N, C-alpha and C. Protein backbone atom coordinates (compact mmCIF):
# COMPACT_ATOMS: atom_id res chain seq x y z
N MET A 1 -13.38 -19.22 22.95
CA MET A 1 -12.65 -17.64 22.38
C MET A 1 -11.61 -17.90 21.59
N ASP A 2 -10.52 -18.86 21.91
CA ASP A 2 -9.44 -18.88 21.03
C ASP A 2 -9.76 -19.27 19.73
N GLN A 3 -10.65 -19.50 19.83
CA GLN A 3 -11.15 -20.43 18.54
C GLN A 3 -11.52 -19.55 17.77
N VAL A 4 -12.16 -18.63 18.18
CA VAL A 4 -12.80 -17.23 17.45
C VAL A 4 -11.93 -16.54 16.93
N PHE A 5 -10.88 -16.36 17.94
CA PHE A 5 -9.31 -15.06 17.27
C PHE A 5 -8.96 -16.10 16.62
N ASP A 6 -8.73 -17.24 16.52
CA ASP A 6 -8.10 -18.08 15.54
C ASP A 6 -8.75 -17.82 13.74
N VAL A 7 -9.96 -17.88 14.07
CA VAL A 7 -11.15 -18.20 12.86
C VAL A 7 -10.74 -16.23 12.29
N ILE A 8 -11.07 -15.65 13.05
CA ILE A 8 -10.59 -13.97 12.63
C ILE A 8 -9.40 -13.72 12.03
N GLY A 9 -8.16 -14.23 12.70
CA GLY A 9 -6.95 -14.10 12.23
C GLY A 9 -6.82 -15.26 10.93
N GLY A 10 -7.21 -16.27 11.02
CA GLY A 10 -7.26 -16.64 9.73
C GLY A 10 -8.20 -15.83 8.34
N ILE A 11 -8.48 -15.59 8.55
CA ILE A 11 -9.82 -14.67 7.82
C ILE A 11 -8.79 -13.47 7.31
N CYS A 12 -8.33 -13.01 8.43
CA CYS A 12 -7.59 -11.45 8.34
C CYS A 12 -6.21 -11.92 7.49
N LEU A 13 -5.71 -13.31 7.33
CA LEU A 13 -4.51 -13.60 6.50
C LEU A 13 -4.75 -13.89 5.14
N ILE A 14 -6.06 -14.64 4.86
CA ILE A 14 -6.16 -14.90 3.60
C ILE A 14 -6.61 -13.45 2.69
N ALA A 15 -7.63 -12.53 3.93
CA ALA A 15 -8.04 -11.31 2.59
C ALA A 15 -6.74 -10.18 2.50
N GLY A 16 -5.75 -10.86 3.10
CA GLY A 16 -4.56 -9.75 2.96
C GLY A 16 -3.50 -10.36 1.60
N ALA A 17 -3.30 -11.68 2.14
CA ALA A 17 -2.36 -12.25 0.51
C ALA A 17 -3.16 -12.14 -0.60
N LEU A 18 -4.81 -11.95 -0.61
CA LEU A 18 -5.41 -11.82 -2.00
C LEU A 18 -5.41 -10.46 -1.99
N PHE A 19 -5.22 -9.71 -1.62
CA PHE A 19 -5.00 -7.98 -1.67
C PHE A 19 -3.22 -8.11 -2.27
N ALA A 20 -2.77 -8.68 -1.71
CA ALA A 20 -1.27 -8.78 -2.43
C ALA A 20 -1.51 -8.98 -3.80
N LEU A 21 -2.12 -10.02 -3.79
CA LEU A 21 -2.27 -10.76 -4.79
C LEU A 21 -2.76 -10.05 -6.14
N LEU A 22 -3.80 -9.46 -5.72
CA LEU A 22 -4.34 -8.29 -6.62
C LEU A 22 -3.77 -7.15 -6.92
N ALA A 23 -2.77 -6.81 -5.85
CA ALA A 23 -1.75 -5.73 -6.05
C ALA A 23 -0.30 -6.28 -7.65
N GLY A 24 -0.30 -7.38 -7.28
CA GLY A 24 0.70 -7.85 -8.15
C GLY A 24 0.41 -8.08 -9.92
N ILE A 25 -1.70 -8.24 -9.86
CA ILE A 25 -1.90 -8.69 -10.81
C ILE A 25 -2.13 -7.28 -11.29
N GLY A 26 -2.41 -6.16 -10.78
CA GLY A 26 -2.53 -4.98 -11.31
C GLY A 26 -1.34 -3.82 -11.90
N VAL A 27 -0.21 -4.50 -11.13
CA VAL A 27 1.05 -3.80 -11.88
C VAL A 27 1.33 -4.42 -12.84
N HIS A 28 0.64 -5.78 -13.21
CA HIS A 28 0.82 -6.56 -14.43
C HIS A 28 0.22 -5.91 -15.28
N LYS A 29 -1.14 -5.72 -15.23
CA LYS A 29 -1.65 -5.92 -16.52
C LYS A 29 -1.95 -4.03 -16.32
N PHE A 30 -1.98 -3.21 -15.83
CA PHE A 30 -1.83 -1.78 -15.95
C PHE A 30 -0.81 -0.86 -17.07
N GLU A 31 -1.78 -0.12 -17.40
CA GLU A 31 -0.72 0.17 -18.97
C GLU A 31 0.15 1.74 -18.55
N ASP A 32 -0.04 2.66 -17.97
CA ASP A 32 0.25 3.73 -17.32
C ASP A 32 1.09 3.73 -16.31
N PRO A 33 2.14 4.16 -16.05
CA PRO A 33 2.95 4.38 -14.95
C PRO A 33 2.25 4.88 -13.52
N TYR A 34 0.95 5.45 -13.51
CA TYR A 34 0.42 6.56 -12.86
C TYR A 34 -0.30 5.19 -11.82
N SER A 35 -1.19 4.26 -12.90
CA SER A 35 -2.03 3.30 -13.08
C SER A 35 -1.28 2.27 -11.66
N ARG A 36 0.04 1.64 -12.68
CA ARG A 36 0.88 0.87 -11.59
C ARG A 36 1.14 1.39 -10.54
N MET A 37 1.77 2.42 -10.28
CA MET A 37 1.87 2.90 -9.03
C MET A 37 0.81 2.78 -8.15
N HIS A 38 -0.58 3.51 -8.28
CA HIS A 38 -1.33 2.99 -7.92
C HIS A 38 -1.63 1.58 -7.34
N ALA A 39 -1.50 0.55 -8.05
CA ALA A 39 -1.53 -0.58 -7.90
C ALA A 39 -0.79 -1.36 -6.35
N ALA A 40 0.57 -0.59 -7.09
CA ALA A 40 1.71 -1.17 -5.85
C ALA A 40 1.61 -0.55 -4.72
N ALA A 41 0.99 0.63 -4.68
CA ALA A 41 0.93 1.30 -3.49
C ALA A 41 -0.15 1.10 -2.45
N LYS A 42 -1.70 1.12 -2.82
CA LYS A 42 -2.88 1.07 -2.15
C LYS A 42 -2.91 -0.27 -2.16
N SER A 43 -3.37 -1.27 -2.51
CA SER A 43 -3.59 -2.74 -2.11
C SER A 43 -2.63 -3.37 -1.03
N PRO A 44 -1.30 -3.33 -1.76
CA PRO A 44 -0.05 -4.00 -0.81
C PRO A 44 -0.25 -3.61 0.91
N THR A 45 -0.59 -2.29 0.60
CA THR A 45 -0.76 -1.40 2.10
C THR A 45 -1.59 -2.15 3.01
N LEU A 46 -2.70 -2.51 2.54
CA LEU A 46 -4.17 -2.75 3.04
C LEU A 46 -3.74 -4.39 3.39
N GLY A 47 -3.32 -4.98 1.81
CA GLY A 47 -2.96 -6.26 2.48
C GLY A 47 -1.57 -6.67 3.52
N LEU A 48 -1.14 -5.97 3.82
CA LEU A 48 0.32 -5.75 4.77
C LEU A 48 -0.52 -5.79 6.42
N ILE A 49 -1.34 -4.94 6.33
CA ILE A 49 -2.15 -4.58 7.52
C ILE A 49 -3.07 -5.50 8.07
N LEU A 50 -4.02 -6.59 7.12
CA LEU A 50 -4.80 -7.36 7.32
C LEU A 50 -3.85 -8.55 7.95
N VAL A 51 -2.77 -8.60 6.99
CA VAL A 51 -1.61 -10.07 7.40
C VAL A 51 -1.50 -9.75 8.87
N ALA A 52 -1.27 -8.52 8.98
CA ALA A 52 -0.54 -8.07 10.84
C ALA A 52 -1.74 -8.58 11.64
N ILE A 53 -2.69 -7.65 11.31
CA ILE A 53 -3.66 -8.01 11.98
C ILE A 53 -4.16 -9.66 12.38
N GLY A 54 -4.10 -10.30 11.26
CA GLY A 54 -3.97 -11.71 11.47
C GLY A 54 -3.40 -12.67 11.86
N ALA A 55 -2.22 -11.58 12.21
CA ALA A 55 -0.97 -12.29 12.81
C ALA A 55 -1.40 -12.45 14.34
N GLY A 56 -1.60 -11.14 14.46
CA GLY A 56 -1.98 -10.51 16.09
C GLY A 56 -3.24 -11.32 16.65
N PHE A 57 -4.23 -11.50 16.09
CA PHE A 57 -5.03 -12.26 16.17
C PHE A 57 -4.45 -13.91 16.83
N SER A 58 -3.62 -14.29 15.57
CA SER A 58 -3.20 -15.75 15.99
C SER A 58 -2.31 -15.93 16.95
N ILE A 59 -1.31 -15.30 16.91
CA ILE A 59 -0.15 -14.81 18.03
C ILE A 59 -0.61 -14.89 19.44
N ARG A 60 -1.44 -13.46 19.43
CA ARG A 60 -1.69 -13.33 20.49
C ARG A 60 -0.89 -13.00 21.99
N THR A 61 0.27 -12.52 21.77
CA THR A 61 1.05 -12.12 22.80
C THR A 61 1.42 -10.95 22.66
N PHE A 62 2.02 -10.61 24.11
CA PHE A 62 2.07 -8.96 24.15
C PHE A 62 3.51 -8.42 23.45
N PRO A 63 4.10 -9.00 22.74
CA PRO A 63 5.15 -8.92 22.33
C PRO A 63 5.12 -8.88 20.85
N ALA A 64 4.11 -9.96 20.47
CA ALA A 64 3.74 -10.11 18.89
C ALA A 64 2.91 -9.02 18.78
N VAL A 65 1.79 -8.52 19.19
CA VAL A 65 1.01 -7.51 18.89
C VAL A 65 1.71 -5.86 19.07
N ALA A 66 2.62 -6.30 19.89
CA ALA A 66 3.16 -4.71 19.87
C ALA A 66 4.15 -4.72 18.56
N THR A 67 4.44 -5.57 18.20
CA THR A 67 5.57 -5.33 16.76
C THR A 67 4.58 -5.63 15.71
N VAL A 68 3.46 -6.37 15.60
CA VAL A 68 2.53 -5.83 14.48
C VAL A 68 1.56 -4.37 14.57
N PHE A 69 1.89 -3.83 15.95
CA PHE A 69 1.59 -2.34 15.84
C PHE A 69 2.51 -1.50 14.95
N LEU A 70 3.78 -1.75 15.32
CA LEU A 70 5.24 -0.87 15.11
C LEU A 70 4.99 -1.24 13.31
N VAL A 71 4.66 -2.74 13.04
CA VAL A 71 4.64 -2.77 12.04
C VAL A 71 3.58 -1.88 10.63
N VAL A 72 2.66 -1.78 11.38
CA VAL A 72 1.45 -1.15 10.70
C VAL A 72 1.55 0.60 10.73
N VAL A 73 2.16 0.92 11.83
CA VAL A 73 2.50 1.92 12.07
C VAL A 73 2.93 2.83 10.88
N LEU A 74 4.47 1.67 10.77
CA LEU A 74 5.63 2.09 9.88
C LEU A 74 4.97 2.05 8.41
N GLN A 75 4.54 1.32 7.96
CA GLN A 75 4.15 1.09 6.88
C GLN A 75 3.23 1.98 6.37
N LEU A 76 2.02 2.63 7.57
CA LEU A 76 1.07 3.84 6.91
C LEU A 76 1.74 5.13 6.94
N LEU A 77 3.23 4.91 7.84
CA LEU A 77 4.28 6.57 7.37
C LEU A 77 4.85 6.19 6.31
N THR A 78 5.09 5.40 5.75
CA THR A 78 6.40 5.45 4.91
C THR A 78 5.39 5.09 3.49
N SER A 79 4.74 4.24 3.25
CA SER A 79 4.11 4.05 1.80
C SER A 79 3.46 5.14 1.24
N PRO A 80 2.93 6.53 2.22
CA PRO A 80 2.59 7.21 0.86
C PRO A 80 3.44 8.37 0.49
N VAL A 81 4.99 8.26 1.37
CA VAL A 81 5.89 8.90 1.01
C VAL A 81 6.74 8.55 0.04
N GLY A 82 6.52 6.94 0.14
CA GLY A 82 7.14 6.82 -1.12
C GLY A 82 6.61 6.79 -2.50
N THR A 83 5.25 6.69 -2.43
CA THR A 83 4.70 6.62 -3.30
C THR A 83 4.62 8.10 -4.13
N HIS A 84 4.49 9.21 -2.92
CA HIS A 84 4.73 10.36 -3.32
C HIS A 84 6.07 10.63 -4.22
N LEU A 85 7.00 10.21 -3.69
CA LEU A 85 8.34 10.34 -4.22
C LEU A 85 8.51 10.22 -5.76
N ALA A 86 7.74 8.41 -5.49
CA ALA A 86 7.93 7.92 -7.07
C ALA A 86 6.80 8.48 -7.86
N GLY A 87 5.88 9.14 -7.73
CA GLY A 87 4.92 9.83 -8.62
C GLY A 87 5.98 10.90 -9.07
N ARG A 88 6.40 11.45 -8.48
CA ARG A 88 7.13 12.64 -8.58
C ARG A 88 8.35 12.58 -9.74
N ALA A 89 9.20 11.52 -9.83
CA ALA A 89 9.84 11.07 -10.37
C ALA A 89 9.50 10.85 -11.05
N VAL A 90 8.17 10.29 -11.77
CA VAL A 90 7.34 9.89 -13.18
C VAL A 90 7.33 10.86 -13.65
N HIS A 91 6.75 11.33 -13.02
CA HIS A 91 6.58 12.83 -13.69
C HIS A 91 7.39 13.97 -14.30
N LEU A 92 8.72 13.67 -13.87
CA LEU A 92 10.01 14.65 -14.13
C LEU A 92 10.33 13.57 -15.74
N ARG A 93 10.45 12.63 -15.71
CA ARG A 93 10.92 11.46 -16.29
C ARG A 93 9.85 10.75 -17.25
N VAL A 94 8.73 10.81 -17.24
CA VAL A 94 8.24 10.02 -18.55
C VAL A 94 7.01 10.86 -18.87
N ASP A 95 6.69 10.68 -20.08
CA ASP A 95 5.75 11.62 -20.84
C ASP A 95 4.38 10.86 -20.65
N VAL A 96 3.51 10.56 -19.79
CA VAL A 96 2.47 10.25 -19.97
C VAL A 96 1.90 11.23 -20.21
N LYS A 97 0.04 10.84 -21.00
CA LYS A 97 -0.90 11.67 -21.38
C LYS A 97 -1.58 12.14 -19.79
N GLN A 98 -2.09 13.25 -19.89
CA GLN A 98 -2.71 13.89 -18.70
C GLN A 98 -4.17 14.06 -18.92
N ASP A 99 -4.99 13.82 -18.23
CA ASP A 99 -6.64 13.67 -18.30
C ASP A 99 -6.71 15.18 -18.08
N GLY A 100 -6.38 16.14 -17.29
CA GLY A 100 -6.66 17.68 -16.90
C GLY A 100 -5.56 18.15 -17.22
N PRO A 101 -5.39 19.31 -16.49
CA PRO A 101 -4.40 20.14 -16.29
C PRO A 101 -3.24 19.56 -15.26
N ASP A 102 -2.12 19.97 -15.87
CA ASP A 102 -0.60 19.93 -15.24
C ASP A 102 -0.57 20.49 -13.93
N GLU A 103 -1.13 20.46 -13.17
CA GLU A 103 -0.74 21.54 -11.88
C GLU A 103 0.59 21.33 -11.78
N LEU A 104 1.13 20.28 -11.11
CA LEU A 104 2.54 20.32 -10.70
C LEU A 104 3.46 21.46 -11.68
N ALA A 105 3.50 20.73 -13.06
CA ALA A 105 4.17 21.75 -13.94
C ALA A 105 3.95 23.53 -13.93
N ARG A 106 2.71 23.67 -13.67
CA ARG A 106 2.18 25.01 -13.22
C ARG A 106 2.97 25.31 -12.23
N ASP A 107 2.87 24.54 -11.21
CA ASP A 107 3.23 25.53 -9.73
C ASP A 107 4.66 25.30 -10.14
N GLU A 108 5.74 24.38 -10.47
CA GLU A 108 7.12 24.41 -10.57
C GLU A 108 7.54 25.73 -11.55
N ALA A 109 6.44 26.29 -12.48
CA ALA A 109 7.20 26.93 -13.17
C ALA A 109 6.68 28.15 -12.37
N ASP A 110 5.76 28.56 -12.06
CA ASP A 110 5.45 29.51 -10.85
C ASP A 110 6.86 30.04 -9.91
N GLN A 111 7.25 29.19 -9.26
CA GLN A 111 8.20 28.91 -8.17
C GLN A 111 9.70 29.77 -9.04
N ALA A 112 9.52 28.93 -10.49
CA ALA A 112 10.96 29.51 -11.12
C ALA A 112 11.04 31.29 -11.51
């Protein structure tokens, strides 16, 4: 059974590393800030979660699994908030062509 857990852990570690690599390529290749922000937020989060799960399967001790669980929970809590704040900062500072109506500007004008 230990070998099965080691194989699952190794697969998760490799998959997580590949997602992190794809995020780096996406940040480098995409042109507009929103696409870069998407690549920098979604893929590394999934990559970190897969690496954490792989580490949990490989180590298999309670303190390690508890730490991995804490890392995953904190990543899932902080990544969307950070991405949201970065997106608002980009919206306020950079002139990016919009595909549709600018709802944030409309809502901010309604509040003023």
